[in-house]
Amino acid sequence: MALALVLTLLAGGLAHRAARARGDRPVVTALWVACTTAILSLTLWTTGGATDLRCVVDREVLEPFRHLEGRLSAGMFVPFGFLGVLATRRVALMACLALVLPVSIETIQVLASPLSDGCDPSDLVANAFGAICGVGLGAAVNRMRRSPCAPTPRYALVACGVTFALMGASWAAWMNATVWDRTMTLASASPAQKAAVSDALDRAFGDHYPITGVDFTHWEGGTGTVTAHFSAGAAELSWPDLEHFTVNLIPRRVEEGHAFPVPGTSGPVRTEKEAERVALAYAKRFAPWGLRRSVVDVERLGEESSPGWLVSWRHRDGDLPAPTRLDVLVDSEGHISDLITRRAGE
C-alpha cells in the first residue's frame, strides 16, 4: 500500500507538471494518471499464489456483482473511465481502453504465473463494466458542459485492435481455461443462520471473537454453508444440519495476536506432548463432547520456523475408529489457530 501510494503521487505529480506546461487540463489529467497508476499498482501486486497458467471461467456472467468484492472491483475502475474522458475528451478511445486495460491486467497475471496470483475472468468482467460505466458518466458530463468531444486518431484505434489481437493470441497459446458451472449462490444469512453460527463460535471460543458479518452460501438441494467473518479470521457452519464447524484464524506467520490463548495454559510448545496438553485443556473446557469414546492422535505440521501440531480426536465405534470428531491446531506459542469439529456419534 505504501509503495502504491508513492507511485501514485509521483505519477500524478509528473502528469500535472507536463499537462500544465501544455496548458491542457492539468488537474484532471493528473488525477487520471494517478488513478491509472493506483489501479496497476494494486492489481499487479502479487503474493505468488498461482501454480500454473490456469483461469477458472464462470458461466454466470453476473456472478461478480453478487458480492461486495466484485462490486468494489468494478467501482475501482469507474474513475479511470470517467477521468479519462474528461482529460482526453475522446470517448471512443476511452471506450477501447476501458476494455484493453482489464484484459491486459488479466493477461499479465496469466503469463506471470506462478509469480503472480493467477487470473480471474470474473475480475475482468467487473473491471471492464466499471470502466465502461465511467466512460458513459464522463461523456454525459461533457455533454452537459457542452464540451465538444475530440476525434480519436485512427492509429489509436488500430493500436487497441492490435493489442486485443496479441492478448487473444497469448491466451490461446498459453492459458488453460476451466469452465465452472455454478451450483451455489451467495446471499445474506437469515437471523436463524446468524444466531446458529454465532452460538457455535461462542461455544468454541467464548466471546473472544465478535462477528462483523455473516454470509450464506446456498448449494443445490437446500443445503449450504453459513460463513461468519471477524477481525481474526472466519468460521463456517454447515446448514441446516449444523454438524460441521470450522474456524480459521490468522496464523502467527502472517500477523501476531489472532490465535486463541487457551485459559489455564502458558508458555511455548516444543513437543507433541506439550501440544496435546494444550489441546486437551481446550477440549475439556470448550468441547468435552469430543473426548467421550474417542482416541487421540498428534501430528506435527509446518516448517521449523513456524511449527504447529494437529491434535485430533476420533470417535471410536467398537473396535473401529470413525471419522474425526475434533481437530485442534496448536501453534508454537501454545495458542489455537484452527479448529474443525464434526459432532459425529455425539
Protein backbone atom coordinates (compact mmCIF):
# COMPACT_ATOMS: atom_id res chain seq x y z
CA MET A 1 0.00 0.00 0.00
CA ALA A 2 2.85 2.38 0.85
CA LEU A 3 4.60 1.64 -2.45
CA ALA A 4 1.35 2.08 -4.40
CA LEU A 5 0.76 5.44 -2.69
CA VAL A 6 4.27 6.67 -3.53
CA LEU A 7 3.97 5.59 -7.18
CA THR A 8 0.51 7.14 -7.47
CA LEU A 9 1.60 10.51 -6.07
CA LEU A 10 4.75 10.53 -8.20
CA ALA A 11 2.89 9.72 -11.42
CA GLY A 12 0.18 12.28 -10.67
CA GLY A 13 2.76 14.98 -9.93
CA LEU A 14 4.69 14.34 -13.13
CA ALA A 15 1.49 14.29 -15.19
CA HIS A 16 0.34 17.57 -13.64
CA ARG A 17 3.66 19.22 -14.45
CA ALA A 18 3.63 18.01 -18.06
CA ALA A 19 -0.02 18.97 -18.64
CA ARG A 20 0.41 22.40 -17.07
CA ALA A 21 3.32 23.09 -19.43
CA ARG A 22 0.93 22.45 -22.31
CA GLY A 23 -1.97 24.25 -20.63
CA ASP A 24 -4.16 21.20 -21.17
CA ARG A 25 -6.38 20.46 -18.11
CA PRO A 26 -3.52 19.69 -15.70
CA VAL A 27 -5.63 18.82 -12.65
CA VAL A 28 -7.95 16.28 -14.28
CA THR A 29 -5.05 14.81 -16.27
CA ALA A 30 -3.01 14.35 -13.11
CA LEU A 31 -5.97 12.68 -11.39
CA TRP A 32 -6.47 10.32 -14.32
CA VAL A 33 -2.81 9.30 -14.46
CA ALA A 34 -2.72 8.87 -10.68
CA CYS A 35 -5.88 6.72 -10.81
CA THR A 36 -4.41 4.53 -13.55
CA THR A 37 -1.15 4.12 -11.64
CA ALA A 38 -3.02 3.15 -8.47
CA ILE A 39 -5.04 0.53 -10.35
CA LEU A 40 -1.93 -1.01 -11.92
CA SER A 41 -0.03 -0.95 -8.62
CA LEU A 42 -2.80 -2.71 -6.71
CA THR A 43 -3.95 -5.23 -9.32
CA LEU A 44 -0.48 -6.34 -10.42
CA TRP A 45 0.89 -6.76 -6.91
CA THR A 46 1.37 -10.43 -6.18
CA THR A 47 1.75 -12.88 -3.34
CA GLY A 48 2.76 -15.67 -5.71
CA GLY A 49 -0.37 -17.72 -5.15
CA ALA A 50 -0.86 -19.28 -8.59
CA THR A 51 0.81 -22.51 -9.64
CA ASP A 52 0.05 -22.77 -13.36
CA LEU A 53 -1.34 -20.90 -16.34
CA ARG A 54 -4.97 -21.53 -15.47
CA CYS A 55 -8.12 -19.44 -15.33
CA VAL A 56 -11.44 -20.60 -13.92
CA VAL A 57 -14.26 -19.25 -16.11
CA ASP A 58 -17.68 -18.93 -14.51
CA ARG A 59 -20.62 -19.40 -16.86
CA GLU A 60 -22.66 -16.96 -14.77
CA VAL A 61 -21.55 -13.57 -16.14
CA LEU A 62 -23.20 -11.54 -13.36
CA GLU A 63 -21.52 -13.52 -10.56
CA PRO A 64 -19.00 -10.74 -9.66
CA PHE A 65 -21.83 -8.34 -8.84
CA ARG A 66 -23.47 -10.67 -6.31
CA HIS A 67 -20.90 -9.94 -3.61
CA LEU A 68 -19.19 -6.85 -2.20
CA GLU A 69 -15.72 -7.66 -3.51
CA GLY A 70 -16.93 -7.77 -7.11
CA ARG A 71 -18.83 -4.50 -6.77
CA LEU A 72 -15.79 -2.81 -5.23
CA SER A 73 -13.65 -4.16 -8.05
CA ALA A 74 -16.00 -2.60 -10.59
CA GLY A 75 -16.13 0.65 -8.65
CA MET A 76 -12.34 0.93 -8.65
CA PHE A 77 -12.35 1.26 -12.46
CA VAL A 78 -15.15 3.85 -12.70
CA PRO A 79 -12.79 6.82 -12.05
CA PHE A 80 -10.44 5.50 -14.74
CA GLY A 81 -13.10 5.80 -17.44
CA PHE A 82 -14.66 8.99 -16.04
CA LEU A 83 -11.45 10.97 -15.58
CA GLY A 84 -10.06 9.64 -18.85
CA VAL A 85 -12.95 11.12 -20.85
CA LEU A 86 -12.64 14.45 -19.04
CA ALA A 87 -8.87 14.51 -19.60
CA THR A 88 -8.76 13.41 -23.25
CA ARG A 89 -12.30 14.28 -24.46
CA ARG A 90 -12.03 11.17 -26.64
CA VAL A 91 -14.95 8.89 -25.82
CA ALA A 92 -14.14 6.23 -28.44
CA LEU A 93 -10.54 5.99 -27.28
CA MET A 94 -11.53 5.64 -23.63
CA ALA A 95 -14.15 3.02 -24.51
CA CYS A 96 -11.38 0.96 -26.12
CA LEU A 97 -9.02 1.50 -23.18
CA ALA A 98 -11.82 0.52 -20.79
CA LEU A 99 -11.59 -2.95 -22.34
CA VAL A 100 -7.85 -3.03 -23.07
CA LEU A 101 -6.75 -2.25 -19.50
CA PRO A 102 -8.69 -5.04 -17.71
CA VAL A 103 -7.75 -7.57 -20.42
CA SER A 104 -4.08 -6.54 -20.19
CA ILE A 105 -4.09 -6.91 -16.40
CA GLU A 106 -5.55 -10.42 -16.52
CA THR A 107 -3.17 -11.41 -19.35
CA ILE A 108 -0.14 -10.28 -17.37
CA GLN A 109 -1.41 -12.24 -14.38
CA VAL A 110 -1.71 -15.33 -16.59
CA LEU A 111 1.72 -15.01 -18.21
CA ALA A 112 3.46 -14.13 -14.94
CA SER A 113 2.24 -17.33 -13.21
CA PRO A 114 3.49 -18.80 -10.89
CA LEU A 115 4.94 -15.45 -9.77
CA SER A 116 1.51 -13.86 -9.99
CA ASP A 117 -1.76 -14.63 -8.20
CA GLY A 118 -3.24 -16.02 -11.41
CA CYS A 119 -6.12 -14.62 -13.44
CA ASP A 120 -9.79 -14.41 -12.66
CA PRO A 121 -12.11 -13.68 -15.62
CA SER A 122 -14.76 -12.55 -13.12
CA ASP A 123 -12.46 -9.65 -12.26
CA LEU A 124 -12.18 -8.85 -15.95
CA VAL A 125 -15.96 -8.62 -16.27
CA ALA A 126 -16.30 -6.43 -13.18
CA ASN A 127 -13.39 -4.16 -14.09
CA ALA A 128 -14.47 -3.67 -17.71
CA PHE A 129 -18.04 -2.94 -16.61
CA GLY A 130 -16.85 -0.33 -14.12
CA ALA A 131 -14.58 1.34 -16.67
CA ILE A 132 -17.34 1.46 -19.31
CA CYS A 133 -19.73 2.99 -16.77
CA GLY A 134 -17.09 5.62 -16.02
CA VAL A 135 -16.75 6.39 -19.73
CA GLY A 136 -20.50 6.82 -20.05
CA LEU A 137 -20.59 9.09 -16.99
CA GLY A 138 -17.73 11.19 -18.37
CA ALA A 139 -19.44 11.51 -21.75
CA ALA A 140 -22.64 12.66 -20.02
CA VAL A 141 -20.76 15.30 -18.01
CA ASN A 142 -19.04 16.60 -21.14
CA ARG A 143 -22.39 16.78 -22.90
CA MET A 144 -23.93 18.76 -20.02
CA ARG A 145 -20.95 21.12 -20.06
CA ARG A 146 -21.29 21.43 -23.85
CA SER A 147 -17.64 20.43 -24.14
CA PRO A 148 -17.02 19.10 -27.65
CA CYS A 149 -15.53 15.63 -27.92
CA ALA A 150 -12.20 15.35 -29.73
CA PRO A 151 -11.94 12.82 -32.56
CA THR A 152 -9.94 9.70 -31.82
CA PRO A 153 -6.94 9.25 -34.14
CA ARG A 154 -7.17 6.20 -36.33
CA TYR A 155 -3.75 4.96 -35.23
CA ALA A 156 -5.00 4.83 -31.62
CA LEU A 157 -7.92 2.60 -32.57
CA VAL A 158 -5.59 0.41 -34.64
CA ALA A 159 -3.25 0.13 -31.65
CA CYS A 160 -6.14 -1.01 -29.46
CA GLY A 161 -7.12 -3.60 -32.05
CA VAL A 162 -3.56 -4.92 -32.31
CA THR A 163 -3.35 -5.12 -28.51
CA PHE A 164 -6.57 -7.14 -28.36
CA ALA A 165 -5.22 -9.49 -31.04
CA LEU A 166 -1.96 -10.01 -29.14
CA MET A 167 -3.81 -10.65 -25.88
CA GLY A 168 -6.10 -13.14 -27.57
CA ALA A 169 -3.16 -14.95 -29.12
CA SER A 170 -1.42 -15.11 -25.73
CA TRP A 171 -4.49 -16.60 -24.07
CA ALA A 172 -4.95 -19.13 -26.87
CA ALA A 173 -1.29 -20.17 -26.77
CA TRP A 174 -0.61 -20.40 -23.05
CA MET A 175 -3.75 -20.18 -20.93
CA ASN A 176 -5.64 -23.25 -19.69
CA ALA A 177 -9.32 -22.44 -19.21
CA THR A 178 -11.52 -24.36 -16.82
CA VAL A 179 -15.25 -23.69 -17.18
CA TRP A 180 -17.18 -23.82 -13.93
CA ASP A 181 -20.91 -24.44 -13.77
CA ARG A 182 -22.04 -22.58 -10.69
CA THR A 183 -24.06 -24.69 -8.30
CA MET A 184 -24.11 -22.25 -5.41
CA THR A 185 -25.23 -18.71 -4.73
CA LEU A 186 -24.06 -16.25 -2.10
CA ALA A 187 -26.70 -14.40 -0.10
CA SER A 188 -27.20 -12.65 3.19
CA ALA A 189 -27.69 -15.00 6.12
CA SER A 190 -31.08 -15.24 7.82
CA PRO A 191 -31.48 -14.36 11.52
CA ALA A 192 -31.60 -18.08 12.37
CA GLN A 193 -28.38 -18.72 10.46
CA LYS A 194 -26.65 -15.77 12.12
CA ALA A 195 -27.73 -16.99 15.53
CA ALA A 196 -26.54 -20.55 14.79
CA VAL A 197 -23.04 -19.59 13.68
CA SER A 198 -22.72 -17.02 16.47
CA ASP A 199 -23.68 -19.65 19.04
CA ALA A 200 -21.19 -22.13 17.56
CA LEU A 201 -18.39 -19.55 17.68
CA ASP A 202 -19.24 -18.59 21.26
CA ARG A 203 -19.24 -22.24 22.32
CA ALA A 204 -15.85 -22.73 20.65
CA PHE A 205 -14.08 -19.61 21.97
CA GLY A 206 -16.40 -17.84 24.41
CA ASP A 207 -16.96 -14.22 23.39
CA HIS A 208 -13.34 -13.78 22.24
CA TYR A 209 -14.19 -13.06 18.59
CA PRO A 210 -17.07 -10.63 17.88
CA ILE A 211 -18.66 -11.30 14.48
CA THR A 212 -18.66 -8.45 11.95
CA GLY A 213 -20.63 -10.09 9.13
CA VAL A 214 -22.39 -13.31 8.09
CA ASP A 215 -22.99 -14.76 4.60
CA PHE A 216 -24.84 -17.85 3.44
CA THR A 217 -23.65 -19.96 0.51
CA HIS A 218 -26.66 -21.87 -0.82
CA TRP A 219 -25.94 -25.16 -2.55
CA GLU A 220 -28.28 -27.21 -4.66
CA GLY A 221 -30.58 -29.46 -2.69
CA GLY A 222 -31.39 -26.99 0.08
CA THR A 223 -28.06 -27.29 1.91
CA GLY A 224 -25.39 -24.67 2.36
CA THR A 225 -22.67 -23.10 4.47
CA VAL A 226 -23.03 -20.19 6.89
CA THR A 227 -19.83 -18.10 6.99
CA ALA A 228 -19.09 -15.69 9.82
CA HIS A 229 -16.42 -13.02 9.36
CA PHE A 230 -14.49 -11.38 12.19
CA SER A 231 -11.24 -9.44 12.52
CA ALA A 232 -9.15 -12.51 13.42
CA GLY A 233 -10.42 -14.84 10.69
CA ALA A 234 -13.59 -16.67 9.62
CA ALA A 235 -15.84 -19.54 10.68
CA GLU A 236 -18.02 -21.87 8.60
CA LEU A 237 -21.02 -23.89 9.76
CA SER A 238 -22.87 -26.47 7.66
CA TRP A 239 -26.59 -25.78 7.21
CA PRO A 240 -29.13 -26.97 8.14
CA ASP A 241 -27.58 -29.97 9.95
CA LEU A 242 -25.11 -27.78 11.95
CA GLU A 243 -22.81 -30.80 12.10
CA HIS A 244 -19.61 -29.44 10.59
CA PHE A 245 -17.98 -26.35 12.10
CA THR A 246 -14.62 -24.91 11.00
CA VAL A 247 -12.70 -21.90 12.29
CA ASN A 248 -9.61 -20.49 10.58
CA LEU A 249 -7.70 -17.82 12.49
CA ILE A 250 -4.95 -15.64 11.02
CA PRO A 251 -1.70 -17.53 11.76
CA ARG A 252 1.27 -16.05 13.58
CA ARG A 253 3.44 -16.11 10.45
CA VAL A 254 1.03 -13.63 8.85
CA GLU A 255 0.16 -11.44 11.85
CA GLU A 256 0.50 -11.77 15.59
CA GLY A 257 -2.30 -11.66 18.12
CA HIS A 258 -5.17 -13.51 16.46
CA ALA A 259 -4.72 -17.12 17.60
CA PHE A 260 -6.75 -18.15 20.64
CA PRO A 261 -4.94 -18.34 24.02
CA VAL A 262 -6.24 -21.34 25.96
CA PRO A 263 -7.18 -20.38 29.55
CA GLY A 264 -5.03 -22.14 32.14
CA THR A 265 -2.09 -22.80 29.80
CA SER A 266 1.04 -20.75 29.19
CA GLY A 267 4.44 -20.93 27.60
CA PRO A 268 5.74 -22.10 24.22
CA VAL A 269 5.06 -25.56 22.79
CA ARG A 270 8.01 -27.59 21.54
CA THR A 271 6.88 -31.23 21.68
CA GLU A 272 3.87 -33.35 20.78
CA LYS A 273 3.14 -33.96 24.47
CA GLU A 274 3.01 -30.22 25.17
CA ALA A 275 0.75 -29.69 22.16
CA GLU A 276 -1.57 -32.47 23.33
CA ARG A 277 -1.66 -30.92 26.81
CA VAL A 278 -2.77 -27.55 25.40
CA ALA A 279 -5.35 -29.14 23.07
CA LEU A 280 -6.71 -31.27 25.91
CA ALA A 281 -7.10 -28.21 28.13
CA TYR A 282 -9.02 -26.52 25.32
CA ALA A 283 -11.23 -29.55 24.64
CA LYS A 284 -12.11 -30.11 28.31
CA ARG A 285 -13.33 -26.53 28.58
CA PHE A 286 -14.93 -25.86 25.19
CA ALA A 287 -15.63 -29.25 23.57
CA PRO A 288 -15.85 -32.01 26.19
CA TRP A 289 -18.23 -33.95 23.94
CA GLY A 290 -15.29 -34.57 21.59
CA LEU A 291 -13.38 -36.56 24.23
CA ARG A 292 -16.01 -39.16 25.01
CA ARG A 293 -15.33 -42.60 23.50
CA SER A 294 -12.52 -41.12 21.39
CA VAL A 295 -8.89 -41.86 20.56
CA VAL A 296 -6.33 -39.05 20.17
CA ASP A 297 -3.65 -38.54 17.53
CA VAL A 298 -0.97 -35.81 17.34
CA GLU A 299 0.77 -34.82 14.08
CA ARG A 300 3.44 -32.17 13.58
CA LEU A 301 2.77 -29.72 10.74
CA GLY A 302 4.62 -26.82 9.19
CA GLU A 303 8.24 -25.77 8.99
CA GLU A 304 10.79 -25.43 11.75
CA SER A 305 10.41 -21.63 11.67
CA SER A 306 6.65 -21.81 12.17
CA PRO A 307 5.67 -25.22 13.55
CA GLY A 308 2.25 -26.43 14.58
CA TRP A 309 0.69 -29.59 15.93
CA LEU A 310 -2.62 -31.03 14.75
CA VAL A 311 -4.32 -32.79 17.66
CA SER A 312 -7.25 -34.97 16.52
CA TRP A 313 -9.87 -36.93 18.42
CA ARG A 314 -11.73 -39.69 16.58
CA HIS A 315 -14.93 -41.25 17.83
CA ARG A 316 -14.49 -45.00 18.37
CA ASP A 317 -17.38 -47.26 17.42
CA GLY A 318 -16.43 -50.60 18.93
CA ASP A 319 -13.01 -51.50 17.58
CA LEU A 320 -13.28 -49.24 14.52
CA PRO A 321 -12.37 -45.54 14.65
CA ALA A 322 -14.98 -43.32 12.98
CA PRO A 323 -14.26 -40.01 11.18
CA THR A 324 -12.60 -37.21 13.11
CA ARG A 325 -14.80 -35.51 15.68
CA LEU A 326 -12.45 -32.74 16.79
CA ASP A 327 -9.31 -31.25 15.21
CA VAL A 328 -7.30 -28.58 17.04
CA LEU A 329 -4.22 -26.90 15.56
CA VAL A 330 -1.80 -25.72 18.26
CA ASP A 331 0.96 -23.24 17.28
CA SER A 332 4.41 -22.89 18.84
CA GLU A 333 3.14 -20.32 21.34
CA GLY A 334 0.52 -22.71 22.70
CA HIS A 335 -2.40 -20.94 21.03
CA ILE A 336 -5.21 -22.40 18.91
CA SER A 337 -5.04 -21.25 15.28
CA ASP A 338 -7.53 -23.63 13.59
CA LEU A 339 -10.48 -25.71 14.70
CA ILE A 340 -12.57 -28.36 12.94
CA THR A 341 -15.48 -30.10 14.64
CA ARG A 342 -17.73 -32.87 13.40
CA ARG A 343 -20.21 -33.89 16.02
CA ALA A 344 -20.37 -37.49 14.81
CA GLY A 345 -21.63 -40.02 17.32
CA GLU A 346 -22.25 -37.38 19.97
